[in-house]
Protein backbone atom coordinates (compact mmCIF):
# COMPACT_ATOMS: atom_id res chain seq x y z
CA MET A 1 -0.46 6.15 18.99
CA THR A 2 1.08 3.44 19.39
CA VAL A 3 2.13 1.74 16.54
CA LYS A 4 -0.86 -1.27 17.08
CA ASP A 5 -2.80 1.64 16.97
CA PHE A 6 -1.47 2.43 13.92
CA TYR A 7 -2.72 -1.12 12.19
CA ASP A 8 -6.09 -1.16 13.70
CA ARG A 9 -6.44 2.01 12.49
CA ILE A 10 -5.73 1.19 9.23
CA GLY A 11 -6.96 -2.02 8.99
CA GLY A 12 -3.28 -4.22 8.97
CA ASN A 13 -2.36 -6.77 10.87
CA TYR A 14 -0.37 -5.66 13.84
CA VAL A 15 0.10 -9.27 15.16
CA ALA A 16 1.96 -11.11 11.29
CA ILE A 17 4.19 -7.43 11.43
CA ILE A 18 5.38 -7.56 15.10
CA ALA A 19 5.65 -11.75 14.16
CA ARG A 20 7.72 -11.06 11.95
CA MET A 21 9.89 -7.36 12.84
CA ARG A 22 9.33 -8.89 16.94
CA THR A 23 9.66 -4.58 18.02
CA ASP A 24 7.60 -1.85 17.47
CA ASP A 25 11.17 0.12 17.61
CA ARG A 26 12.35 -1.65 14.09
CA ILE A 27 8.69 -1.95 12.21
CA CYS A 28 8.54 2.30 12.97
CA LYS A 29 12.41 1.44 11.03
CA PHE A 30 10.56 -0.24 8.31
CA LEU A 31 7.47 2.01 7.88
CA LYS A 32 9.58 5.90 7.99
CA MET A 33 11.56 3.66 4.80
CA TYR A 34 8.03 2.94 3.22
CA LEU A 35 7.41 6.53 3.54
CA GLN A 36 9.99 7.16 0.70
CA ASP A 37 8.08 4.11 -1.53
CA LYS A 38 7.58 5.76 -4.90
CA SER A 39 5.45 2.94 -6.28
CA TYR A 40 1.88 4.03 -5.62
CA GLU A 41 2.60 7.66 -7.27
CA THR A 42 4.13 5.78 -10.11
CA LEU A 43 1.07 3.57 -10.45
CA LEU A 44 -0.67 6.76 -10.70
CA LYS A 45 0.72 7.93 -13.63
CA ALA A 46 1.01 5.81 -15.53
CA MET A 47 -2.90 4.93 -15.05
CA SER A 48 -3.04 8.16 -16.16
CA GLU A 49 -1.26 7.72 -18.80
CA GLU A 50 -2.51 4.70 -19.65
CA LYS A 51 -0.23 2.92 -19.75
CA VAL A 52 -0.94 -0.42 -18.72
CA LYS A 53 3.00 -2.26 -18.34
CA GLU A 54 3.69 -0.03 -15.73
CA ALA A 55 1.32 0.33 -14.75
CA PHE A 56 1.29 -2.61 -13.71
CA LEU A 57 4.81 -2.71 -12.92
CA ALA A 58 3.84 -0.40 -9.80
CA ALA A 59 1.28 -1.90 -8.83
CA HIS A 60 3.46 -5.54 -8.76
CA THR A 61 5.59 -3.61 -6.91
CA LEU A 62 3.69 -1.86 -3.96
CA LYS A 63 1.06 -5.03 -3.36
CA GLY A 64 4.83 -6.35 -2.04
CA VAL A 65 5.39 -3.57 -0.39
CA VAL A 66 2.56 -3.43 1.07
CA GLY A 67 1.92 -6.76 2.11
CA ASN A 68 5.50 -7.04 3.48
CA MET A 69 4.23 -4.47 5.66
CA SER A 70 1.44 -5.71 6.73
CA PHE A 71 -1.58 -3.43 5.42
CA GLN A 72 -3.38 -5.63 4.78
CA GLU A 73 -6.58 -2.99 3.10
CA LEU A 74 -4.40 -1.91 1.08
CA SER A 75 -3.15 -4.72 0.33
CA GLU A 76 -5.93 -6.19 -0.68
CA ALA A 77 -6.79 -3.22 -2.98
CA SER A 78 -3.10 -3.21 -4.55
CA VAL A 79 -4.11 -6.90 -5.21
CA ASP A 80 -7.10 -6.93 -6.71
CA ILE A 81 -6.24 -3.63 -8.99
CA THR A 82 -2.44 -5.55 -9.45
CA GLU A 83 -4.83 -8.80 -10.90
CA ALA A 84 -6.51 -6.05 -13.55
CA LEU A 85 -3.32 -4.48 -14.71
CA ARG A 86 -1.68 -8.44 -15.33
CA SER A 87 -4.98 -8.68 -17.38
CA GLU A 88 -4.64 -5.51 -19.40
CA ASP A 89 -8.03 -4.14 -18.05
CA MET A 90 -7.33 -0.91 -17.65
CA ALA A 91 -11.12 -0.33 -17.65
CA SER A 92 -11.22 -2.46 -14.69
CA ALA A 93 -8.48 -1.21 -13.12
CA LYS A 94 -9.88 2.26 -13.73
CA LEU A 95 -13.25 1.36 -11.79
CA LEU A 96 -10.71 -0.40 -8.93
CA LEU A 97 -8.41 2.54 -8.45
CA PRO A 98 -10.33 5.09 -6.83
CA ARG A 99 -9.62 2.35 -3.34
CA VAL A 100 -6.66 1.96 -3.99
CA ILE A 101 -6.58 5.90 -3.25
CA LYS A 102 -8.14 6.17 -0.85
CA GLU A 103 -6.50 2.99 1.15
CA TYR A 104 -3.52 4.77 0.80
CA GLU A 105 -4.53 7.31 1.97
CA THR A 106 -5.45 6.45 5.14
CA VAL A 107 -2.28 5.12 5.93
CA LYS A 108 -0.82 8.16 4.61
CA ASN A 109 -2.29 10.21 7.16
CA ALA A 110 -1.99 7.40 10.09
CA LEU A 111 1.65 7.57 9.20
CA ASP A 112 1.68 11.68 9.34
CA GLU A 113 0.14 10.95 12.75
CA LEU A 114 2.36 8.41 14.13
CA PHE A 115 5.52 10.50 13.97
CA GLU A 116 3.77 13.42 13.92
């Protein structure tokens, strides 16, 4: 799988990321760093404990990270849940969480394949 294939699979924006990072090698370096980010796990934990402020901070961090990596679909899902949590609307955030999980898993699975 190429880096472009990876972005195509996840509904990402390869044109934007290559314009920013210039080479696939640099993109891969940052993709590997992304795998170390804990904001997704923090979001899940805070949501399960109904800690809205902690969930908001985690969602906001995730939104920034995936936006910078041009993970378009996961970014959109992260924006939606971040805005619900910003309003302290845990009920709406819970309804939005499954899309975040789905898009995160899509990215994670594609990364596993890219780096196998």
